[in-house]
Amino acid sequence: MAMTIRLDPELDAAVREVAAAQNLSKQQLMERAALEYVNRSRRIDRTIAIANRIVGDHEGLLDRLSR
């Protein structure tokens, strides 16, 4: 799906520089950046869910240890 992203001139220059250094188009670089952001966000959400489950499963133990 097509999308237009408007970047301020400084960020656009930085994106252009990094894309050129990695031999990528700006489009390819932005796709990779978006995918990395989504994947990182999902990992964080999974980590928080697992931590909450562990805390819930061991609430009594954690309470005793905190005394």
C-alpha atoms as a PDB file:
ATOM      1  CA  MET A   1       0.000   0.000   0.000  1.00  0.00           C
ATOM      2  CA  ALA A   2       1.334   3.406  -0.913  1.00  0.00           C
ATOM      3  CA  MET A   3       1.982   5.989   1.789  1.00  0.00           C
ATOM      4  CA  THR A   4       3.470   9.445   1.856  1.00  0.00           C
ATOM      5  CA  ILE A   5       5.666  10.385   4.795  1.00  0.00           C
ATOM      6  CA  ARG A   6       6.627  14.010   5.291  1.00  0.00           C
ATOM      7  CA  LEU A   7       9.919  14.435   7.117  1.00  0.00           C
ATOM      8  CA  ASP A   8      11.522  17.628   8.310  1.00  0.00           C
ATOM      9  CA  PRO A   9      14.587  18.540   6.237  1.00  0.00           C
ATOM     10  CA  GLU A  10      17.108  17.411   8.870  1.00  0.00           C
ATOM     11  CA  LEU A  11      15.529  13.974   9.289  1.00  0.00           C
ATOM     12  CA  ASP A  12      15.160  13.592   5.526  1.00  0.00           C
ATOM     13  CA  ALA A  13      18.874  14.332   5.094  1.00  0.00           C
ATOM     14  CA  ALA A  14      19.756  11.791   7.794  1.00  0.00           C
ATOM     15  CA  VAL A  15      17.525   9.150   6.181  1.00  0.00           C
ATOM     16  CA  ARG A  16      19.088   9.859   2.791  1.00  0.00           C
ATOM     17  CA  GLU A  17      22.598   9.570   4.280  1.00  0.00           C
ATOM     18  CA  VAL A  18      21.912   6.273   6.072  1.00  0.00           C
ATOM     19  CA  ALA A  19      20.118   4.818   3.057  1.00  0.00           C
ATOM     20  CA  ALA A  20      23.040   5.701   0.799  1.00  0.00           C
ATOM     21  CA  ALA A  21      25.548   4.237   3.265  1.00  0.00           C
ATOM     22  CA  GLN A  22      23.601   0.964   3.311  1.00  0.00           C
ATOM     23  CA  ASN A  23      23.027   0.998  -0.453  1.00  0.00           C
ATOM     24  CA  LEU A  24      19.255   1.171   0.048  1.00  0.00           C
ATOM     25  CA  SER A  25      16.549   3.441  -1.244  1.00  0.00           C
ATOM     26  CA  LYS A  26      14.873   5.715   1.274  1.00  0.00           C
ATOM     27  CA  GLN A  27      11.736   3.593   0.777  1.00  0.00           C
ATOM     28  CA  GLN A  28      13.610   0.399   1.688  1.00  0.00           C
ATOM     29  CA  LEU A  29      15.177   2.034   4.733  1.00  0.00           C
ATOM     30  CA  MET A  30      11.822   3.333   5.984  1.00  0.00           C
ATOM     31  CA  GLU A  31      10.220  -0.107   5.457  1.00  0.00           C
ATOM     32  CA  ARG A  32      12.996  -1.726   7.500  1.00  0.00           C
ATOM     33  CA  ALA A  33      12.685   0.910  10.211  1.00  0.00           C
ATOM     34  CA  ALA A  34       8.909   0.446  10.428  1.00  0.00           C
ATOM     35  CA  LEU A  35       9.241  -3.346  10.585  1.00  0.00           C
ATOM     36  CA  GLU A  36      11.902  -3.108  13.292  1.00  0.00           C
ATOM     37  CA  TYR A  37       9.686  -0.753  15.309  1.00  0.00           C
ATOM     38  CA  VAL A  38       6.672  -3.073  15.027  1.00  0.00           C
ATOM     39  CA  ASN A  39       8.721  -6.144  15.975  1.00  0.00           C
ATOM     40  CA  ARG A  40      10.290  -4.365  18.955  1.00  0.00           C
ATOM     41  CA  SER A  41       6.874  -3.193  20.126  1.00  0.00           C
ATOM     42  CA  ARG A  42       5.516  -6.745  19.920  1.00  0.00           C
ATOM     43  CA  ARG A  43       8.489  -8.105  21.892  1.00  0.00           C
ATOM     44  CA  ILE A  44       7.956  -5.495  24.584  1.00  0.00           C
ATOM     45  CA  ASP A  45       4.246  -6.343  24.778  1.00  0.00           C
ATOM     46  CA  ARG A  46       5.044 -10.082  25.059  1.00  0.00           C
ATOM     47  CA  THR A  47       7.669  -9.428  27.728  1.00  0.00           C
ATOM     48  CA  ILE A  48       5.242  -7.362  29.791  1.00  0.00           C
ATOM     49  CA  ALA A  49       2.516 -10.017  29.447  1.00  0.00           C
ATOM     50  CA  ILE A  50       4.924 -12.767  30.554  1.00  0.00           C
ATOM     51  CA  ALA A  51       6.162 -10.683  33.492  1.00  0.00           C
ATOM     52  CA  ASN A  52       2.589  -9.987  34.583  1.00  0.00           C
ATOM     53  CA  ARG A  53       1.738 -13.690  34.359  1.00  0.00           C
ATOM     54  CA  ILE A  54       4.790 -14.630  36.436  1.00  0.00           C
ATOM     55  CA  VAL A  55       3.953 -12.024  39.063  1.00  0.00           C
ATOM     56  CA  GLY A  56       0.368 -13.297  39.188  1.00  0.00           C
ATOM     57  CA  ASP A  57       1.467 -16.936  39.404  1.00  0.00           C
ATOM     58  CA  HIS A  58       3.888 -16.217  42.242  1.00  0.00           C
ATOM     59  CA  GLU A  59       2.099 -13.420  44.062  1.00  0.00           C
ATOM     60  CA  GLY A  60       2.203 -15.189  47.432  1.00  0.00           C
ATOM     61  CA  LEU A  61       5.897 -15.955  47.175  1.00  0.00           C
ATOM     62  CA  LEU A  62       6.724 -12.413  46.105  1.00  0.00           C
ATOM     63  CA  ASP A  63       4.678 -11.062  49.008  1.00  0.00           C
ATOM     64  CA  ARG A  64       6.560 -13.267  51.500  1.00  0.00           C
ATOM     65  CA  LEU A  65       9.920 -12.276  50.028  1.00  0.00           C
ATOM     66  CA  SER A  66       9.082  -8.590  50.315  1.00  0.00           C
ATOM     67  CA  ARG A  67       8.689  -8.828  54.111  1.00  0.00           C
END
